[in-house]
Amino acid sequence: MSSLVGPLYIILVNEQFKGGPTEYGILQIFGALGSIIGGLSIKYFNKLISPGKGLFVSWIIAGILMAFLSVTSLMIVGYIIFFFYCFFLVLGNIIFSSLKIVLVEDKYRGRIEGVTYSLSSILIPLSTLLGGILAEYTNVSIVFTFSGLWIVLVGIIFFFDKELKQLKHFKN
């Protein structure tokens, strides 16, 4: 979903927040800081919550924040939302990658990673094109709302996975 909205952040900043290059740069700084702090805090997050719940919670929160980003017009609120969106998205992505190590047998892991990366590589240009078309014919806020709801849906799907529910915590 990030490729759906990735090229549209500059439009969001320009049209919705009435900002320019400086505000866009600051938004990217907030996102980078949220990502770094999210990555650094994964150890503590994993102690508080099981991986399955962590994946569910982090992606649900990230999706809700993405959708909220589309309804505010205050730049400072956008900065804060984007910081926490990136924070929780990174937490979910780290958990997801770690789960592939824990749940996928060694003999299949390379194949699974290869298929995952291949599909991602194929879908990124299509997703970017779709995001651009949607933004052109609707409103950029609608694309961000759709993307946020999609992330929430993926989080809900992980909530119902039986194997994830049985996994208590990652072993160090």
N, C-alpha and C. Protein backbone atom coordinates (compact mmCIF):
# COMPACT_ATOMS: atom_id res chain seq x y z
N MET A 1 0.81 -1.20 0.00
CA MET A 1 0.00 0.00 0.00
C MET A 1 0.85 1.26 0.00
N SER A 2 2.08 1.15 0.47
CA SER A 2 2.90 2.36 0.48
C SER A 2 3.19 2.83 -0.94
N SER A 3 3.24 1.92 -1.90
CA SER A 3 3.46 2.36 -3.28
C SER A 3 2.20 3.01 -3.86
N LEU A 4 1.05 2.73 -3.29
CA LEU A 4 -0.18 3.37 -3.73
C LEU A 4 -0.17 4.85 -3.37
N VAL A 5 0.31 5.17 -2.17
CA VAL A 5 0.28 6.56 -1.71
C VAL A 5 1.65 7.22 -1.69
N GLY A 6 2.72 6.46 -1.79
CA GLY A 6 4.07 7.03 -1.70
C GLY A 6 4.29 8.26 -2.56
N PRO A 7 3.98 8.20 -3.85
CA PRO A 7 4.19 9.38 -4.69
C PRO A 7 3.18 10.50 -4.44
N LEU A 8 2.16 10.23 -3.62
CA LEU A 8 1.09 11.21 -3.42
C LEU A 8 1.28 12.08 -2.18
N TYR A 9 2.30 11.81 -1.38
CA TYR A 9 2.51 12.63 -0.18
C TYR A 9 2.75 14.10 -0.53
N ILE A 10 3.47 14.34 -1.59
CA ILE A 10 3.74 15.72 -1.99
C ILE A 10 2.44 16.43 -2.38
N ILE A 11 1.53 15.69 -2.99
CA ILE A 11 0.22 16.26 -3.36
C ILE A 11 -0.61 16.49 -2.11
N LEU A 12 -0.56 15.55 -1.17
CA LEU A 12 -1.28 15.71 0.09
C LEU A 12 -0.80 16.97 0.81
N VAL A 13 0.51 17.13 0.89
CA VAL A 13 1.07 18.31 1.56
C VAL A 13 0.65 19.58 0.83
N ASN A 14 0.71 19.57 -0.47
CA ASN A 14 0.40 20.76 -1.26
C ASN A 14 -1.09 21.09 -1.24
N GLU A 15 -1.93 20.12 -1.50
CA GLU A 15 -3.37 20.39 -1.64
C GLU A 15 -4.10 20.43 -0.31
N GLN A 16 -3.84 19.48 0.54
CA GLN A 16 -4.61 19.38 1.78
C GLN A 16 -4.04 20.27 2.88
N PHE A 17 -2.70 20.30 3.00
CA PHE A 17 -2.07 21.07 4.06
C PHE A 17 -1.64 22.47 3.60
N LYS A 18 -1.79 22.74 2.30
CA LYS A 18 -1.39 24.03 1.72
C LYS A 18 0.08 24.33 2.00
N GLY A 19 0.90 23.28 1.94
CA GLY A 19 2.33 23.42 2.19
C GLY A 19 3.13 23.32 0.91
N GLY A 20 4.41 23.52 1.06
CA GLY A 20 5.32 23.46 -0.08
C GLY A 20 6.46 22.50 0.20
N PRO A 21 7.60 22.73 -0.47
CA PRO A 21 8.75 21.83 -0.33
C PRO A 21 9.27 21.72 1.10
N THR A 22 9.27 22.82 1.85
CA THR A 22 9.77 22.78 3.23
C THR A 22 8.88 21.89 4.09
N GLU A 23 7.58 22.07 3.97
CA GLU A 23 6.64 21.26 4.77
C GLU A 23 6.71 19.79 4.38
N TYR A 24 6.90 19.53 3.10
CA TYR A 24 7.05 18.14 2.64
C TYR A 24 8.31 17.53 3.24
N GLY A 25 9.40 18.28 3.24
CA GLY A 25 10.65 17.80 3.83
C GLY A 25 10.49 17.52 5.31
N ILE A 26 9.81 18.39 6.01
CA ILE A 26 9.58 18.19 7.44
C ILE A 26 8.72 16.96 7.67
N LEU A 27 7.70 16.75 6.83
CA LEU A 27 6.87 15.55 6.94
C LEU A 27 7.74 14.30 6.80
N GLN A 28 8.65 14.31 5.84
CA GLN A 28 9.54 13.17 5.63
C GLN A 28 10.47 12.96 6.83
N ILE A 29 10.91 14.05 7.45
CA ILE A 29 11.74 13.94 8.66
C ILE A 29 10.95 13.27 9.78
N PHE A 30 9.70 13.68 9.97
CA PHE A 30 8.87 13.07 11.00
C PHE A 30 8.68 11.58 10.72
N GLY A 31 8.48 11.22 9.45
CA GLY A 31 8.33 9.82 9.09
C GLY A 31 9.59 9.02 9.36
N ALA A 32 10.74 9.60 9.01
CA ALA A 32 12.01 8.92 9.25
C ALA A 32 12.25 8.72 10.75
N LEU A 33 11.97 9.75 11.54
CA LEU A 33 12.14 9.64 12.99
C LEU A 33 11.20 8.59 13.58
N GLY A 34 9.95 8.59 13.12
CA GLY A 34 9.00 7.57 13.59
C GLY A 34 9.47 6.17 13.25
N SER A 35 10.01 6.00 12.04
CA SER A 35 10.50 4.69 11.61
C SER A 35 11.71 4.25 12.44
N ILE A 36 12.63 5.16 12.66
CA ILE A 36 13.83 4.82 13.44
C ILE A 36 13.46 4.47 14.88
N ILE A 37 12.63 5.30 15.49
CA ILE A 37 12.25 5.04 16.88
C ILE A 37 11.41 3.77 16.97
N GLY A 38 10.55 3.52 15.98
CA GLY A 38 9.80 2.27 15.94
C GLY A 38 10.72 1.07 15.87
N GLY A 39 11.72 1.15 15.01
CA GLY A 39 12.68 0.05 14.89
C GLY A 39 13.47 -0.18 16.16
N LEU A 40 13.83 0.90 16.82
CA LEU A 40 14.60 0.79 18.06
C LEU A 40 13.76 0.27 19.23
N SER A 41 12.46 0.47 19.17
CA SER A 41 11.60 0.07 20.29
C SER A 41 10.95 -1.30 20.11
N ILE A 42 11.26 -2.00 19.01
CA ILE A 42 10.63 -3.30 18.76
C ILE A 42 10.93 -4.30 19.88
N LYS A 43 12.10 -4.24 20.44
CA LYS A 43 12.49 -5.16 21.52
C LYS A 43 11.52 -5.02 22.70
N TYR A 44 11.19 -3.81 23.04
CA TYR A 44 10.30 -3.55 24.18
C TYR A 44 8.85 -3.87 23.82
N PHE A 45 8.48 -3.59 22.60
CA PHE A 45 7.13 -3.89 22.12
C PHE A 45 6.88 -5.40 22.16
N ASN A 46 7.88 -6.18 21.75
CA ASN A 46 7.74 -7.65 21.74
C ASN A 46 7.64 -8.23 23.14
N LYS A 47 8.19 -7.55 24.12
CA LYS A 47 8.07 -8.02 25.51
C LYS A 47 6.66 -7.80 26.06
N LEU A 48 5.99 -6.79 25.54
CA LEU A 48 4.66 -6.43 26.03
C LEU A 48 3.54 -7.26 25.41
N ILE A 49 3.76 -7.73 24.18
CA ILE A 49 2.66 -8.30 23.42
C ILE A 49 3.19 -9.43 22.54
N SER A 50 2.37 -10.43 22.32
CA SER A 50 2.78 -11.56 21.48
C SER A 50 2.91 -11.10 20.02
N PRO A 51 3.68 -11.85 19.20
CA PRO A 51 3.88 -11.43 17.81
C PRO A 51 2.58 -11.30 17.01
N GLY A 52 1.66 -12.25 17.19
CA GLY A 52 0.40 -12.19 16.45
C GLY A 52 -0.41 -10.96 16.82
N LYS A 53 -0.51 -10.70 18.11
CA LYS A 53 -1.23 -9.51 18.55
C LYS A 53 -0.48 -8.25 18.16
N GLY A 54 0.84 -8.32 18.21
CA GLY A 54 1.65 -7.16 17.83
C GLY A 54 1.45 -6.79 16.37
N LEU A 55 1.40 -7.81 15.52
CA LEU A 55 1.17 -7.56 14.09
C LEU A 55 -0.22 -6.96 13.89
N PHE A 56 -1.21 -7.54 14.53
CA PHE A 56 -2.58 -7.04 14.44
C PHE A 56 -2.66 -5.59 14.94
N VAL A 57 -2.16 -5.34 16.13
CA VAL A 57 -2.26 -4.01 16.74
C VAL A 57 -1.49 -2.97 15.94
N SER A 58 -0.26 -3.30 15.56
CA SER A 58 0.56 -2.30 14.86
C SER A 58 -0.03 -1.94 13.50
N TRP A 59 -0.53 -2.92 12.76
CA TRP A 59 -1.08 -2.60 11.44
C TRP A 59 -2.46 -1.97 11.53
N ILE A 60 -3.25 -2.33 12.54
CA ILE A 60 -4.55 -1.67 12.72
C ILE A 60 -4.32 -0.19 13.05
N ILE A 61 -3.41 0.08 13.98
CA ILE A 61 -3.13 1.47 14.35
C ILE A 61 -2.55 2.23 13.15
N ALA A 62 -1.61 1.62 12.43
CA ALA A 62 -1.03 2.28 11.26
C ALA A 62 -2.11 2.60 10.22
N GLY A 63 -3.02 1.67 9.99
CA GLY A 63 -4.09 1.89 9.02
C GLY A 63 -5.03 3.01 9.44
N ILE A 64 -5.37 3.03 10.71
CA ILE A 64 -6.24 4.10 11.22
C ILE A 64 -5.55 5.45 11.09
N LEU A 65 -4.26 5.48 11.42
CA LEU A 65 -3.51 6.74 11.31
C LEU A 65 -3.41 7.20 9.86
N MET A 66 -3.22 6.26 8.94
CA MET A 66 -3.18 6.63 7.52
C MET A 66 -4.51 7.26 7.10
N ALA A 67 -5.61 6.66 7.55
CA ALA A 67 -6.93 7.21 7.22
C ALA A 67 -7.11 8.59 7.88
N PHE A 68 -6.65 8.76 9.13
CA PHE A 68 -6.74 10.05 9.81
C PHE A 68 -5.92 11.12 9.10
N LEU A 69 -4.82 10.71 8.50
CA LEU A 69 -3.98 11.67 7.77
C LEU A 69 -4.78 12.34 6.65
N SER A 70 -5.78 11.65 6.15
CA SER A 70 -6.56 12.19 5.03
C SER A 70 -7.65 13.15 5.47
N VAL A 71 -7.89 13.29 6.76
CA VAL A 71 -9.00 14.15 7.20
C VAL A 71 -8.56 15.41 7.92
N THR A 72 -7.29 15.52 8.23
CA THR A 72 -6.83 16.74 8.89
C THR A 72 -6.26 17.71 7.87
N SER A 73 -6.40 18.99 8.17
CA SER A 73 -5.80 20.01 7.31
C SER A 73 -4.73 20.80 8.04
N LEU A 74 -4.49 20.44 9.30
CA LEU A 74 -3.46 21.12 10.08
C LEU A 74 -2.12 20.41 9.89
N MET A 75 -1.14 21.13 9.41
CA MET A 75 0.15 20.54 9.09
C MET A 75 0.80 19.90 10.31
N ILE A 76 0.76 20.56 11.47
CA ILE A 76 1.39 20.01 12.67
C ILE A 76 0.73 18.70 13.08
N VAL A 77 -0.58 18.60 12.92
CA VAL A 77 -1.29 17.35 13.21
C VAL A 77 -0.87 16.29 12.19
N GLY A 78 -0.70 16.69 10.94
CA GLY A 78 -0.22 15.77 9.91
C GLY A 78 1.16 15.23 10.24
N TYR A 79 2.04 16.10 10.74
CA TYR A 79 3.38 15.65 11.13
C TYR A 79 3.31 14.59 12.22
N ILE A 80 2.49 14.85 13.23
CA ILE A 80 2.38 13.92 14.36
C ILE A 80 1.77 12.60 13.91
N ILE A 81 0.71 12.67 13.13
CA ILE A 81 0.08 11.45 12.62
C ILE A 81 1.06 10.65 11.79
N PHE A 82 1.82 11.31 10.92
CA PHE A 82 2.76 10.61 10.05
C PHE A 82 3.90 9.98 10.86
N PHE A 83 4.35 10.66 11.91
CA PHE A 83 5.36 10.10 12.80
C PHE A 83 4.86 8.76 13.36
N PHE A 84 3.67 8.76 13.93
CA PHE A 84 3.16 7.55 14.56
C PHE A 84 2.75 6.49 13.53
N TYR A 85 2.29 6.92 12.36
CA TYR A 85 2.01 5.97 11.29
C TYR A 85 3.28 5.19 10.94
N CYS A 86 4.36 5.91 10.71
CA CYS A 86 5.63 5.26 10.37
C CYS A 86 6.14 4.40 11.52
N PHE A 87 5.98 4.87 12.74
CA PHE A 87 6.38 4.12 13.93
C PHE A 87 5.69 2.76 13.95
N PHE A 88 4.37 2.75 13.83
CA PHE A 88 3.62 1.49 13.92
C PHE A 88 3.77 0.64 12.67
N LEU A 89 3.94 1.26 11.52
CA LEU A 89 4.15 0.48 10.30
C LEU A 89 5.47 -0.28 10.37
N VAL A 90 6.50 0.36 10.87
CA VAL A 90 7.80 -0.31 11.01
C VAL A 90 7.70 -1.44 12.03
N LEU A 91 7.01 -1.21 13.15
CA LEU A 91 6.83 -2.30 14.12
C LEU A 91 6.18 -3.50 13.44
N GLY A 92 5.11 -3.28 12.70
CA GLY A 92 4.42 -4.37 12.02
C GLY A 92 5.30 -5.05 10.98
N ASN A 93 6.06 -4.27 10.24
CA ASN A 93 6.93 -4.86 9.22
C ASN A 93 8.05 -5.70 9.82
N ILE A 94 8.60 -5.26 10.94
CA ILE A 94 9.65 -6.04 11.61
C ILE A 94 9.06 -7.34 12.15
N ILE A 95 7.89 -7.25 12.75
CA ILE A 95 7.24 -8.46 13.27
C ILE A 95 6.94 -9.42 12.12
N PHE A 96 6.42 -8.90 11.01
CA PHE A 96 6.09 -9.73 9.86
C PHE A 96 7.33 -10.45 9.33
N SER A 97 8.42 -9.71 9.18
CA SER A 97 9.66 -10.32 8.70
C SER A 97 10.19 -11.35 9.68
N SER A 98 10.08 -11.07 10.96
CA SER A 98 10.53 -12.02 11.99
C SER A 98 9.67 -13.27 12.00
N LEU A 99 8.38 -13.10 11.77
CA LEU A 99 7.48 -14.26 11.73
C LEU A 99 7.83 -15.19 10.57
N LYS A 100 8.24 -14.63 9.46
CA LYS A 100 8.64 -15.48 8.34
C LYS A 100 9.85 -16.34 8.72
N ILE A 101 10.74 -15.79 9.52
CA ILE A 101 11.90 -16.56 9.98
C ILE A 101 11.46 -17.67 10.93
N VAL A 102 10.53 -17.37 11.81
CA VAL A 102 10.09 -18.32 12.83
C VAL A 102 9.14 -19.38 12.26
N LEU A 103 8.24 -18.99 11.38
CA LEU A 103 7.18 -19.89 10.94
C LEU A 103 7.47 -20.65 9.65
N VAL A 104 8.36 -20.16 8.82
CA VAL A 104 8.63 -20.82 7.54
C VAL A 104 9.87 -21.70 7.70
N GLU A 105 9.73 -22.94 7.30
CA GLU A 105 10.86 -23.87 7.39
C GLU A 105 12.03 -23.37 6.56
N ASP A 106 13.24 -23.68 7.04
CA ASP A 106 14.46 -23.23 6.37
C ASP A 106 14.48 -23.59 4.88
N LYS A 107 14.05 -24.81 4.57
CA LYS A 107 14.14 -25.25 3.18
C LYS A 107 13.18 -24.50 2.25
N TYR A 108 12.17 -23.84 2.80
CA TYR A 108 11.21 -23.10 1.97
C TYR A 108 11.40 -21.58 2.06
N ARG A 109 12.14 -21.11 3.04
CA ARG A 109 12.22 -19.67 3.31
C ARG A 109 12.74 -18.89 2.11
N GLY A 110 13.76 -19.35 1.45
CA GLY A 110 14.30 -18.65 0.28
C GLY A 110 13.28 -18.54 -0.83
N ARG A 111 12.53 -19.61 -1.03
CA ARG A 111 11.49 -19.59 -2.08
C ARG A 111 10.38 -18.62 -1.73
N ILE A 112 9.97 -18.65 -0.47
CA ILE A 112 8.90 -17.74 -0.02
C ILE A 112 9.35 -16.29 -0.16
N GLU A 113 10.58 -15.99 0.26
CA GLU A 113 11.11 -14.64 0.12
C GLU A 113 11.20 -14.24 -1.35
N GLY A 114 11.64 -15.15 -2.19
CA GLY A 114 11.74 -14.87 -3.63
C GLY A 114 10.39 -14.54 -4.24
N VAL A 115 9.39 -15.33 -3.90
CA VAL A 115 8.04 -15.07 -4.42
C VAL A 115 7.51 -13.75 -3.88
N THR A 116 7.73 -13.52 -2.58
CA THR A 116 7.26 -12.27 -1.96
C THR A 116 7.87 -11.06 -2.64
N TYR A 117 9.19 -11.07 -2.81
CA TYR A 117 9.86 -9.94 -3.45
C TYR A 117 9.47 -9.80 -4.92
N SER A 118 9.30 -10.92 -5.60
CA SER A 118 8.90 -10.86 -7.01
C SER A 118 7.51 -10.24 -7.17
N LEU A 119 6.57 -10.71 -6.34
CA LEU A 119 5.22 -10.15 -6.41
C LEU A 119 5.22 -8.66 -6.06
N SER A 120 6.00 -8.31 -5.04
CA SER A 120 6.08 -6.90 -4.65
C SER A 120 6.64 -6.06 -5.79
N SER A 121 7.68 -6.56 -6.43
CA SER A 121 8.29 -5.82 -7.54
C SER A 121 7.33 -5.63 -8.70
N ILE A 122 6.52 -6.64 -8.95
CA ILE A 122 5.55 -6.55 -10.03
C ILE A 122 4.41 -5.60 -9.67
N LEU A 123 3.97 -5.65 -8.41
CA LEU A 123 2.80 -4.88 -8.00
C LEU A 123 3.10 -3.41 -7.71
N ILE A 124 4.35 -3.07 -7.41
CA ILE A 124 4.66 -1.67 -7.09
C ILE A 124 4.30 -0.72 -8.23
N PRO A 125 4.73 -0.98 -9.47
CA PRO A 125 4.34 -0.04 -10.54
C PRO A 125 2.83 0.00 -10.77
N LEU A 126 2.18 -1.14 -10.65
CA LEU A 126 0.72 -1.17 -10.83
C LEU A 126 0.02 -0.39 -9.73
N SER A 127 0.49 -0.57 -8.50
CA SER A 127 -0.09 0.14 -7.37
C SER A 127 0.14 1.65 -7.49
N THR A 128 1.32 2.04 -7.90
CA THR A 128 1.63 3.46 -8.09
C THR A 128 0.73 4.06 -9.17
N LEU A 129 0.55 3.34 -10.26
CA LEU A 129 -0.32 3.79 -11.34
C LEU A 129 -1.76 3.91 -10.84
N LEU A 130 -2.23 2.92 -10.12
CA LEU A 130 -3.58 2.95 -9.57
C LEU A 130 -3.77 4.14 -8.64
N GLY A 131 -2.80 4.37 -7.75
CA GLY A 131 -2.88 5.50 -6.84
C GLY A 131 -2.95 6.83 -7.59
N GLY A 132 -2.15 6.96 -8.63
CA GLY A 132 -2.16 8.18 -9.43
C GLY A 132 -3.49 8.39 -10.14
N ILE A 133 -4.02 7.31 -10.69
CA ILE A 133 -5.32 7.40 -11.39
C ILE A 133 -6.42 7.78 -10.41
N LEU A 134 -6.44 7.11 -9.25
CA LEU A 134 -7.46 7.42 -8.24
C LEU A 134 -7.36 8.87 -7.78
N ALA A 135 -6.13 9.33 -7.55
CA ALA A 135 -5.94 10.71 -7.10
C ALA A 135 -6.35 11.71 -8.17
N GLU A 136 -6.12 11.35 -9.43
CA GLU A 136 -6.47 12.25 -10.54
C GLU A 136 -7.98 12.40 -10.69
N TYR A 137 -8.71 11.31 -10.52
CA TYR A 137 -10.14 11.34 -10.78
C TYR A 137 -11.00 11.48 -9.54
N THR A 138 -10.39 11.37 -8.37
CA THR A 138 -11.15 11.59 -7.13
C THR A 138 -10.44 12.72 -6.38
N ASN A 139 -10.06 12.42 -5.16
CA ASN A 139 -9.35 13.36 -4.32
C ASN A 139 -8.23 12.59 -3.65
N VAL A 140 -7.09 13.21 -3.46
CA VAL A 140 -5.95 12.51 -2.87
C VAL A 140 -6.31 11.97 -1.48
N SER A 141 -7.17 12.66 -0.76
CA SER A 141 -7.59 12.20 0.57
C SER A 141 -8.30 10.85 0.50
N ILE A 142 -9.05 10.63 -0.54
CA ILE A 142 -9.76 9.37 -0.71
C ILE A 142 -8.76 8.22 -0.88
N VAL A 143 -7.69 8.47 -1.60
CA VAL A 143 -6.67 7.44 -1.80
C VAL A 143 -6.01 7.09 -0.47
N PHE A 144 -5.72 8.09 0.36
CA PHE A 144 -5.12 7.83 1.67
C PHE A 144 -6.09 7.10 2.59
N THR A 145 -7.37 7.46 2.53
CA THR A 145 -8.37 6.76 3.33
C THR A 145 -8.47 5.30 2.89
N PHE A 146 -8.53 5.07 1.59
CA PHE A 146 -8.59 3.70 1.06
C PHE A 146 -7.37 2.90 1.49
N SER A 147 -6.20 3.50 1.39
CA SER A 147 -4.96 2.82 1.78
C SER A 147 -4.99 2.47 3.26
N GLY A 148 -5.43 3.40 4.09
CA GLY A 148 -5.53 3.14 5.52
C GLY A 148 -6.48 2.02 5.84
N LEU A 149 -7.62 2.01 5.19
CA LEU A 149 -8.60 0.94 5.43
C LEU A 149 -8.08 -0.40 4.94
N TRP A 150 -7.31 -0.40 3.87
CA TRP A 150 -6.69 -1.63 3.36
C TRP A 150 -5.71 -2.20 4.40
N ILE A 151 -4.91 -1.33 5.00
CA ILE A 151 -3.96 -1.76 6.03
C ILE A 151 -4.72 -2.33 7.23
N VAL A 152 -5.82 -1.69 7.62
CA VAL A 152 -6.66 -2.20 8.72
C VAL A 152 -7.18 -3.59 8.37
N LEU A 153 -7.65 -3.77 7.14
CA LEU A 153 -8.16 -5.08 6.70
C LEU A 153 -7.08 -6.15 6.81
N VAL A 154 -5.87 -5.85 6.38
CA VAL A 154 -4.77 -6.82 6.49
C VAL A 154 -4.51 -7.15 7.95
N GLY A 155 -4.54 -6.14 8.82
CA GLY A 155 -4.36 -6.38 10.25
C GLY A 155 -5.43 -7.29 10.81
N ILE A 156 -6.67 -7.10 10.37
CA ILE A 156 -7.77 -7.95 10.84
C ILE A 156 -7.58 -9.39 10.36
N ILE A 157 -7.11 -9.55 9.16
CA ILE A 157 -6.85 -10.91 8.64
C ILE A 157 -5.83 -11.62 9.53
N PHE A 158 -4.79 -10.91 9.93
CA PHE A 158 -3.78 -11.52 10.81
C PHE A 158 -4.37 -11.86 12.17
N PHE A 159 -5.36 -11.12 12.62
CA PHE A 159 -5.99 -11.38 13.91
C PHE A 159 -6.63 -12.77 13.95
N PHE A 160 -7.15 -13.22 12.82
CA PHE A 160 -7.84 -14.50 12.78
C PHE A 160 -6.94 -15.69 12.44
N ASP A 161 -5.66 -15.48 12.23
CA ASP A 161 -4.74 -16.56 11.91
C ASP A 161 -4.47 -17.39 13.16
N LYS A 162 -4.82 -18.67 13.11
CA LYS A 162 -4.71 -19.56 14.27
C LYS A 162 -3.26 -19.80 14.68
N GLU A 163 -2.37 -19.94 13.70
CA GLU A 163 -0.97 -20.20 14.01
C GLU A 163 -0.33 -19.00 14.72
N LEU A 164 -0.71 -17.81 14.32
CA LEU A 164 -0.18 -16.61 14.97
C LEU A 164 -0.68 -16.49 16.41
N LYS A 165 -1.92 -16.88 16.64
CA LYS A 165 -2.48 -16.80 18.00
C LYS A 165 -1.75 -17.73 18.96
N GLN A 166 -1.25 -18.86 18.45
CA GLN A 166 -0.58 -19.83 19.30
C GLN A 166 0.86 -19.42 19.65
N LEU A 167 1.46 -18.55 18.86
CA LEU A 167 2.83 -18.11 19.10
C LEU A 167 2.82 -17.08 20.21
N LYS A 168 3.45 -17.42 21.33
CA LYS A 168 3.40 -16.54 22.50
C LYS A 168 4.39 -15.38 22.39
N HIS A 169 5.66 -15.66 22.26
CA HIS A 169 6.68 -14.61 22.14
C HIS A 169 7.84 -15.14 21.33
N PHE A 170 8.59 -14.22 20.75
CA PHE A 170 9.80 -14.63 20.03
C PHE A 170 10.84 -15.02 21.06
N LYS A 171 11.63 -16.04 20.72
CA LYS A 171 12.75 -16.41 21.58
C LYS A 171 13.94 -15.58 21.19
N ASN A 172 14.69 -15.11 22.16
CA ASN A 172 15.89 -14.30 21.87
C ASN A 172 17.03 -15.14 21.42
